[in-house]
Amino acid sequence: MGKKRITILIGVFLLAAAPALAVEKTVTFGIPIGYSGVMALYGKMAQRGYDFYKDFVNSGGGMEVGGEKYKLDIKYYDDKSDAATSAKMVEKMITEDKIKFLTASVGSGPAFAATSVAEKFKLPMIGPLAGSDKIYERGYKYIFGILNLSSTDWDAMFEQIMKLNPQPKTIAIMTRNDLFPLTSANGAKAMAEKLWLKVVMFEPYPAGTQDMSPMLNKAKFEKPDILLATGHIGEAIQVGKQLRELGLYFPIVMMTAGPESAEFADSLKDGAEEIIGVAKWIPDLPFKGPILGSSSDYGNGFQKKYNYPPSYVEASCTNALLLFHLAIQKAGALDPQKVRDAIAGLNITTFYGPIRFDERGANLGAVCFPVQIKKGKIVSVYPKEYATGTITYPHPKWKK
């Protein structure tokens, strides 16, 4: 055989072998997400949080597992903000896509359903936005939450309220009749009654309610010192708009899910001023951890990439993938059981804050603190170690 013939054969062999040599190892995460339905706005925010981490790690060459580099990939499915659909999407990821590592969807309702599927197949699932107490009361071993339990959302705020002068005496509560908002509202009601704060109204409303004026006018009739509205960001913005349109005044206005997000202040402009919310994370926090650095490092990096400051929604989703990354490295393998055990054993601080899970999978290190909108900015007002401002009380009356 001539030299030319040998050279051609060697070239063909190398070309045939090249694709196999170029195959990139990946770790794929399965993420059901509400691109449509009532959680659509949160869905878009959540995806940016996940994508930020994927792009950050991949730009650095990937994640090391057992001495080998793996790129991160994400399989998203739209669960339409629906619990049954979320469960179906998770099962599809497991049985058809063969995905081993999962996060729970946006919202406690879809997350509650999806966690049952992960438990059935014994695959680890992190719930970055799943705070409802009921998720962690079923004895499950494969779900791990990042947020504080929703029933405790307002504990720190009520501690501060009872120190105000004059001390508030009455509260009116309106709540979306859904797993997370109702859990938060019931927790607030219990805390209020414990502190001898009289609950003069407790009004649930169905998901999808657009006109809040009947409930707001009912609250006006009761003349409470505090108005608390629990729901999601869409309802919070609607309540803020209608308070202004109706010219209603309450000395303190508090909302879950809304004031801690840039979208809230951008939508309401000066109508957002001095409204109080509860934040699970903001870039001003003093936390620092592996891979992403400090809270402000993450906040600045996210701002640079997406041109707006991240809220706890984006940050918590980023943190979910970071925790998987750390657990996989700790396990030294992609075995789901070993990774599950590594997650359960985490006791660390990340850019997001302390992470330490109890036997239920709830995060014992979770931080939750009051914030208030001041000149369009989200300012932490309590407790002292996280505060960058003080509570404005009473709430200033609307400017004409």
Protein backbone atom coordinates (compact mmCIF):
# COMPACT_ATOMS: atom_id res chain seq x y z
CA MET A 1 0.00 0.00 0.00
CA GLY A 2 1.44 3.40 -1.02
CA LYS A 3 2.12 6.32 1.32
CA LYS A 4 -0.75 8.31 -0.22
CA ARG A 5 -3.18 5.46 0.46
CA ILE A 6 -2.00 5.16 4.10
CA THR A 7 -2.30 8.92 4.61
CA ILE A 8 -5.89 8.91 3.29
CA LEU A 9 -6.88 6.00 5.53
CA ILE A 10 -5.41 7.71 8.61
CA GLY A 11 -7.27 10.92 7.71
CA VAL A 12 -10.58 9.06 7.36
CA PHE A 13 -10.00 7.33 10.72
CA LEU A 14 -9.34 10.65 12.47
CA LEU A 15 -12.42 12.26 10.92
CA ALA A 16 -14.55 9.34 12.03
CA ALA A 17 -13.15 9.52 15.55
CA ALA A 18 -13.40 13.33 15.87
CA PRO A 19 -17.13 13.55 16.78
CA ALA A 20 -16.68 11.04 19.59
CA LEU A 21 -13.73 12.98 20.95
CA ALA A 22 -15.66 16.28 20.73
CA VAL A 23 -18.75 15.10 22.64
CA GLU A 24 -19.30 17.44 25.60
CA LYS A 25 -20.34 16.00 28.94
CA THR A 26 -23.37 17.76 30.42
CA VAL A 27 -25.42 17.78 33.60
CA THR A 28 -29.04 18.59 32.80
CA PHE A 29 -31.47 20.10 35.29
CA GLY A 30 -35.22 19.70 34.87
CA ILE A 31 -37.20 22.84 35.61
CA PRO A 32 -41.00 23.22 35.32
CA ILE A 33 -41.76 26.90 35.10
CA GLY A 34 -44.84 29.10 34.76
CA TYR A 35 -44.27 30.85 31.44
CA SER A 36 -48.01 31.35 31.18
CA GLY A 37 -50.87 31.64 33.66
CA VAL A 38 -50.98 33.64 36.89
CA MET A 39 -47.26 33.14 37.65
CA ALA A 40 -45.99 34.18 34.20
CA LEU A 41 -44.18 37.29 35.42
CA TYR A 42 -42.39 35.27 38.09
CA GLY A 43 -41.61 32.58 35.52
CA LYS A 44 -39.63 35.01 33.39
CA MET A 45 -37.78 36.29 36.46
CA ALA A 46 -37.01 32.74 37.60
CA GLN A 47 -35.60 31.71 34.23
CA ARG A 48 -33.17 34.63 34.27
CA GLY A 49 -31.97 33.46 37.68
CA TYR A 50 -31.36 29.93 36.41
CA ASP A 51 -29.81 31.07 33.13
CA PHE A 52 -27.47 33.43 34.95
CA TYR A 53 -25.91 30.54 36.85
CA LYS A 54 -25.76 28.22 33.84
CA ASP A 55 -24.02 30.87 31.73
CA PHE A 56 -21.67 31.85 34.58
CA VAL A 57 -20.45 28.30 35.16
CA ASN A 58 -20.26 27.35 31.49
CA SER A 59 -18.25 30.47 30.67
CA GLY A 60 -15.67 29.25 33.19
CA GLY A 61 -15.36 25.84 31.58
CA GLY A 62 -18.15 24.02 33.41
CA MET A 63 -18.56 22.07 36.63
CA GLU A 64 -15.99 19.57 37.83
CA VAL A 65 -17.31 16.16 38.85
CA GLY A 66 -14.90 13.41 39.84
CA GLY A 67 -12.04 15.05 37.96
CA GLU A 68 -14.05 15.64 34.77
CA LYS A 69 -15.64 18.83 33.44
CA TYR A 70 -19.36 18.99 32.74
CA LYS A 71 -21.32 21.81 31.12
CA LEU A 72 -24.65 22.76 32.68
CA ASP A 73 -27.84 22.41 30.63
CA ILE A 74 -31.47 23.11 31.52
CA LYS A 75 -34.66 21.53 30.23
CA TYR A 76 -37.58 23.92 30.74
CA TYR A 77 -41.26 23.01 30.44
CA ASP A 78 -44.17 25.43 30.78
CA ASP A 79 -46.45 24.16 33.54
CA LYS A 80 -48.89 27.04 32.90
CA SER A 81 -48.79 27.92 36.62
CA ASP A 82 -50.98 24.85 37.19
CA ALA A 83 -50.34 22.22 39.86
CA ALA A 84 -51.50 19.16 37.88
CA THR A 85 -49.57 20.26 34.80
CA SER A 86 -46.43 20.84 36.86
CA ALA A 87 -46.60 17.29 38.20
CA LYS A 88 -47.03 15.90 34.66
CA MET A 89 -44.10 17.92 33.36
CA VAL A 90 -41.83 16.65 36.13
CA GLU A 91 -42.81 13.05 35.41
CA LYS A 92 -42.10 13.62 31.71
CA MET A 93 -38.66 14.98 32.56
CA ILE A 94 -37.90 11.91 34.66
CA THR A 95 -39.34 9.14 32.49
CA GLU A 96 -38.72 10.51 28.98
CA ASP A 97 -35.82 12.94 29.33
CA LYS A 98 -34.05 10.81 31.98
CA ILE A 99 -33.29 13.87 34.13
CA LYS A 100 -32.01 13.18 37.65
CA PHE A 101 -31.86 16.67 39.19
CA LEU A 102 -34.94 18.86 39.51
CA THR A 103 -36.19 22.16 40.87
CA ALA A 104 -39.76 22.92 41.86
CA SER A 105 -41.86 25.38 39.92
CA VAL A 106 -42.69 28.98 40.76
CA GLY A 107 -45.43 29.10 43.38
CA SER A 108 -46.22 26.77 46.25
CA GLY A 109 -49.28 25.23 44.55
CA PRO A 110 -47.41 23.78 41.55
CA ALA A 111 -44.43 23.00 43.79
CA PHE A 112 -46.63 21.03 46.20
CA ALA A 113 -47.78 18.76 43.36
CA ALA A 114 -44.36 18.41 41.71
CA THR A 115 -42.59 17.42 44.91
CA SER A 116 -44.77 14.30 45.16
CA VAL A 117 -43.44 13.11 41.80
CA ALA A 118 -39.81 13.69 42.78
CA GLU A 119 -40.45 11.79 46.01
CA LYS A 120 -42.05 8.89 44.12
CA PHE A 121 -38.98 8.49 41.90
CA LYS A 122 -36.53 9.25 44.74
CA LEU A 123 -34.84 12.12 42.93
CA PRO A 124 -33.54 15.28 44.65
CA MET A 125 -35.57 18.44 44.09
CA ILE A 126 -34.75 21.95 45.34
CA GLY A 127 -37.66 24.38 45.71
CA PRO A 128 -36.23 27.89 45.34
CA LEU A 129 -39.66 29.54 45.60
CA ALA A 130 -41.63 26.92 47.53
CA GLY A 131 -42.22 28.36 51.00
CA SER A 132 -45.60 27.02 52.06
CA ASP A 133 -45.40 25.04 55.30
CA LYS A 134 -47.54 22.19 53.91
CA ILE A 135 -44.83 21.22 51.42
CA TYR A 136 -42.56 20.24 54.31
CA GLU A 137 -45.13 18.54 56.53
CA ARG A 138 -45.47 15.25 54.59
CA GLY A 139 -42.32 13.47 55.74
CA TYR A 140 -40.67 13.73 52.30
CA LYS A 141 -36.93 13.14 52.01
CA TYR A 142 -36.15 14.51 48.54
CA ILE A 143 -37.43 18.11 48.64
CA PHE A 144 -35.28 20.96 49.97
CA GLY A 145 -36.54 24.53 50.26
CA ILE A 146 -34.57 27.77 50.28
CA LEU A 147 -37.12 30.29 51.58
CA ASN A 148 -38.36 30.67 55.14
CA LEU A 149 -41.67 28.95 55.86
CA SER A 150 -44.52 31.21 54.70
CA SER A 151 -46.26 31.15 58.09
CA THR A 152 -43.30 33.12 59.50
CA ASP A 153 -43.23 35.83 56.81
CA TRP A 154 -44.44 38.59 59.10
CA ASP A 155 -42.93 37.60 62.45
CA ALA A 156 -40.04 40.08 62.25
CA MET A 157 -42.29 42.89 61.01
CA PHE A 158 -44.79 42.47 63.83
CA GLU A 159 -41.95 42.54 66.35
CA GLN A 160 -41.03 45.96 64.97
CA ILE A 161 -44.65 47.17 64.69
CA MET A 162 -45.24 46.70 68.40
CA LYS A 163 -42.34 49.09 69.09
CA LEU A 164 -43.84 51.94 67.01
CA ASN A 165 -45.29 55.02 68.62
CA PRO A 166 -48.24 55.31 68.59
CA GLN A 167 -48.58 51.55 68.63
CA PRO A 168 -50.96 50.18 65.96
CA LYS A 169 -54.05 48.49 67.41
CA THR A 170 -55.96 47.04 64.44
CA ILE A 171 -55.23 45.22 61.17
CA ALA A 172 -57.26 44.31 58.07
CA ILE A 173 -56.05 41.37 55.99
CA MET A 174 -56.98 40.55 52.39
CA THR A 175 -55.50 37.41 50.86
CA ARG A 176 -55.54 35.52 47.62
CA ASN A 177 -57.12 32.12 48.35
CA ASP A 178 -54.08 30.09 47.30
CA LEU A 179 -51.52 27.98 49.13
CA PHE A 180 -48.69 30.47 49.68
CA PRO A 181 -50.68 33.72 50.17
CA LEU A 182 -53.19 32.05 52.49
CA THR A 183 -50.43 30.44 54.57
CA SER A 184 -48.71 33.83 54.87
CA ALA A 185 -51.98 35.55 55.79
CA ASN A 186 -52.90 32.95 58.42
CA GLY A 187 -49.42 33.26 59.91
CA ALA A 188 -49.85 37.05 60.09
CA LYS A 189 -53.28 36.67 61.69
CA ALA A 190 -51.94 34.28 64.33
CA MET A 191 -49.00 36.58 65.11
CA ALA A 192 -51.27 39.63 65.29
CA GLU A 193 -53.60 37.94 67.75
CA LYS A 194 -50.66 36.74 69.83
CA LEU A 195 -49.54 40.37 70.16
CA TRP A 196 -53.04 41.66 70.95
CA LEU A 197 -53.39 43.34 67.56
CA LYS A 198 -57.10 43.15 66.67
CA VAL A 199 -57.94 41.61 63.28
CA VAL A 200 -60.93 43.66 62.03
CA MET A 201 -61.12 42.00 58.59
CA PHE A 202 -59.88 38.75 57.06
CA GLU A 203 -61.01 38.56 53.44
CA PRO A 204 -59.91 35.79 51.02
CA TYR A 205 -60.37 36.42 47.28
CA PRO A 206 -60.08 33.99 44.34
CA ALA A 207 -57.03 33.80 42.09
CA GLY A 208 -57.48 35.97 39.02
CA THR A 209 -59.36 38.74 40.82
CA GLN A 210 -58.71 42.04 39.03
CA ASP A 211 -60.94 44.47 40.90
CA MET A 212 -59.74 44.87 44.48
CA SER A 213 -61.99 47.87 45.23
CA PRO A 214 -64.77 45.97 47.09
CA MET A 215 -62.24 44.60 49.59
CA LEU A 216 -60.39 47.89 49.86
CA ASN A 217 -63.60 49.78 50.53
CA LYS A 218 -64.58 47.19 53.12
CA ALA A 219 -61.22 47.73 54.80
CA LYS A 220 -61.77 51.49 54.67
CA PHE A 221 -65.03 51.06 56.61
CA GLU A 222 -63.14 49.23 59.39
CA LYS A 223 -60.51 52.03 59.63
CA PRO A 224 -57.57 49.72 60.50
CA ASP A 225 -54.15 51.01 61.44
CA ILE A 226 -52.61 48.39 59.14
CA LEU A 227 -53.71 47.03 55.76
CA LEU A 228 -52.02 43.74 54.82
CA ALA A 229 -52.52 42.30 51.32
CA THR A 230 -51.04 38.86 50.63
CA GLY A 231 -50.79 37.53 47.09
CA HIS A 232 -48.36 37.62 44.23
CA ILE A 233 -46.81 40.57 42.43
CA GLY A 234 -49.70 41.05 39.99
CA GLU A 235 -52.19 41.45 42.83
CA ALA A 236 -49.79 43.66 44.77
CA ILE A 237 -49.48 46.07 41.85
CA GLN A 238 -53.26 46.08 41.40
CA VAL A 239 -53.83 46.84 45.09
CA GLY A 240 -51.29 49.66 44.91
CA LYS A 241 -52.98 51.18 41.85
CA GLN A 242 -56.45 51.02 43.33
CA LEU A 243 -55.40 52.45 46.67
CA ARG A 244 -54.22 55.51 44.77
CA GLU A 245 -57.25 55.65 42.44
CA LEU A 246 -59.71 55.38 45.33
CA GLY A 247 -57.75 57.82 47.49
CA LEU A 248 -57.71 55.35 50.39
CA TYR A 249 -55.35 55.89 53.28
CA PHE A 250 -54.03 53.52 55.93
CA PRO A 251 -51.18 54.41 58.34
CA ILE A 252 -49.32 51.22 57.36
CA VAL A 253 -49.69 49.33 54.06
CA MET A 254 -47.96 45.93 53.87
CA MET A 255 -47.83 43.36 51.06
CA THR A 256 -46.23 40.02 50.43
CA ALA A 257 -44.55 39.47 47.07
CA GLY A 258 -44.31 42.86 45.43
CA PRO A 259 -42.44 45.61 47.29
CA GLU A 260 -39.22 43.57 47.32
CA SER A 261 -39.16 43.52 43.50
CA ALA A 262 -37.99 46.28 41.11
CA GLU A 263 -41.08 45.57 38.97
CA PHE A 264 -43.35 46.85 41.76
CA ALA A 265 -41.76 50.29 42.12
CA ASP A 266 -41.35 50.62 38.34
CA SER A 267 -45.06 49.93 37.81
CA LEU A 268 -46.44 52.15 40.59
CA LYS A 269 -43.87 54.98 40.54
CA ASP A 270 -44.55 57.27 43.52
CA GLY A 271 -47.63 55.16 44.34
CA ALA A 272 -45.22 52.58 45.73
CA GLU A 273 -43.66 54.97 48.23
CA GLU A 274 -43.45 53.75 51.83
CA ILE A 275 -45.32 50.48 51.14
CA ILE A 276 -43.81 47.69 53.24
CA GLY A 277 -42.97 44.19 52.05
CA VAL A 278 -41.00 41.17 53.18
CA ALA A 279 -37.80 40.27 51.40
CA LYS A 280 -36.00 36.95 51.43
CA TRP A 281 -32.90 38.49 49.86
CA ILE A 282 -31.59 41.80 48.52
CA PRO A 283 -28.15 42.70 47.09
CA ASP A 284 -27.29 44.81 50.16
CA LEU A 285 -26.98 41.78 52.44
CA PRO A 286 -23.55 41.04 53.95
CA PHE A 287 -23.36 37.38 52.83
CA LYS A 288 -20.45 35.82 50.96
CA GLY A 289 -19.87 32.29 49.73
CA PRO A 290 -18.28 29.99 47.15
CA ILE A 291 -18.29 30.40 43.34
CA LEU A 292 -20.40 33.57 43.08
CA GLY A 293 -18.79 35.61 45.86
CA SER A 294 -20.83 38.12 47.85
CA SER A 295 -24.45 39.28 47.67
CA SER A 296 -23.33 42.49 46.01
CA ASP A 297 -21.06 40.59 43.57
CA TYR A 298 -24.06 38.60 42.42
CA GLY A 299 -26.30 41.67 42.31
CA ASN A 300 -23.79 43.61 40.22
CA GLY A 301 -23.21 40.68 37.87
CA PHE A 302 -26.93 40.16 37.36
CA GLN A 303 -27.50 43.91 36.82
CA LYS A 304 -24.78 43.96 34.18
CA LYS A 305 -26.26 40.98 32.33
CA TYR A 306 -29.98 41.86 32.49
CA ASN A 307 -29.96 45.61 33.17
CA TYR A 308 -32.04 45.49 36.36
CA PRO A 309 -31.32 44.52 39.98
CA PRO A 310 -32.32 40.98 40.96
CA SER A 311 -34.99 40.27 43.55
CA TYR A 312 -35.14 37.22 45.78
CA VAL A 313 -36.95 35.40 42.94
CA GLU A 314 -33.98 35.47 40.58
CA ALA A 315 -31.45 35.08 43.40
CA SER A 316 -33.17 32.06 44.91
CA CYS A 317 -33.29 30.30 41.54
CA THR A 318 -29.60 31.03 40.99
CA ASN A 319 -28.92 29.69 44.49
CA ALA A 320 -30.79 26.45 43.75
CA LEU A 321 -28.36 25.56 40.96
CA LEU A 322 -25.42 26.69 43.10
CA LEU A 323 -26.52 24.27 45.86
CA PHE A 324 -26.82 21.43 43.35
CA HIS A 325 -23.34 22.30 42.09
CA LEU A 326 -21.85 22.21 45.60
CA ALA A 327 -23.67 18.97 46.47
CA ILE A 328 -22.57 17.23 43.27
CA GLN A 329 -18.97 18.26 43.95
CA LYS A 330 -19.28 17.03 47.53
CA ALA A 331 -20.74 13.70 46.34
CA GLY A 332 -18.05 13.41 43.65
CA ALA A 333 -20.58 11.69 41.40
CA LEU A 334 -23.88 12.15 39.56
CA ASP A 335 -25.66 9.47 41.56
CA PRO A 336 -29.04 10.98 42.68
CA GLN A 337 -29.00 9.35 46.12
CA LYS A 338 -25.47 10.53 46.87
CA VAL A 339 -26.35 14.04 45.69
CA ARG A 340 -29.54 14.00 47.78
CA ASP A 341 -27.53 13.06 50.87
CA ALA A 342 -24.96 15.77 50.11
CA ILE A 343 -27.70 18.41 49.85
CA ALA A 344 -29.19 17.25 53.16
CA GLY A 345 -25.78 17.62 54.79
CA LEU A 346 -25.03 21.15 53.54
CA ASN A 347 -24.21 23.67 56.27
CA ILE A 348 -22.82 26.69 54.46
CA THR A 349 -23.31 30.34 53.63
CA THR A 350 -23.67 31.37 50.00
CA PHE A 351 -24.19 34.80 48.44
CA TYR A 352 -27.88 34.20 49.27
CA GLY A 353 -27.38 33.54 52.97
CA PRO A 354 -27.14 30.63 55.42
CA ILE A 355 -28.18 27.18 54.21
CA ARG A 356 -28.88 24.40 56.69
CA PHE A 357 -31.73 21.92 56.21
CA ASP A 358 -33.75 20.19 58.91
CA GLU A 359 -35.19 16.68 58.58
CA ARG A 360 -38.20 18.08 56.66
CA GLY A 361 -36.03 19.78 54.03
CA ALA A 362 -36.84 23.29 55.31
CA ASN A 363 -33.97 25.78 55.43
CA LEU A 364 -33.23 26.63 59.06
CA GLY A 365 -30.91 29.43 57.97
CA ALA A 366 -33.50 31.28 55.87
CA VAL A 367 -33.62 35.04 56.33
CA CYS A 368 -36.83 37.05 56.05
CA PHE A 369 -36.97 40.75 56.84
CA PRO A 370 -39.13 43.84 56.22
CA VAL A 371 -38.34 46.32 53.45
CA GLN A 372 -39.93 49.65 52.56
CA ILE A 373 -39.94 51.57 49.28
CA LYS A 374 -38.15 54.89 49.70
CA LYS A 375 -37.71 57.20 46.70
CA GLY A 376 -38.18 54.24 44.41
CA LYS A 377 -35.55 52.10 46.16
CA ILE A 378 -35.99 48.95 48.21
CA VAL A 379 -34.64 49.64 51.69
CA SER A 380 -34.30 47.05 54.47
CA VAL A 381 -35.68 48.43 57.73
CA TYR A 382 -35.39 45.55 60.24
CA PRO A 383 -33.68 43.77 61.97
CA LYS A 384 -30.78 46.03 62.85
CA GLU A 385 -28.03 43.79 61.40
CA TYR A 386 -29.59 43.98 57.92
CA ALA A 387 -31.22 47.42 58.06
CA THR A 388 -30.09 50.24 55.78
CA GLY A 389 -32.95 52.55 56.81
CA THR A 390 -35.77 53.01 59.33
CA ILE A 391 -39.52 52.54 59.02
CA THR A 392 -41.47 55.61 57.93
CA TYR A 393 -44.61 55.64 60.09
CA PRO A 394 -47.32 56.55 59.64
CA HIS A 395 -47.47 56.13 55.89
CA PRO A 396 -47.61 59.62 54.27
CA LYS A 397 -50.94 60.53 52.70
CA TRP A 398 -51.15 60.54 48.90
CA LYS A 399 -49.93 63.73 47.23
CA LYS A 400 -52.58 65.36 45.08
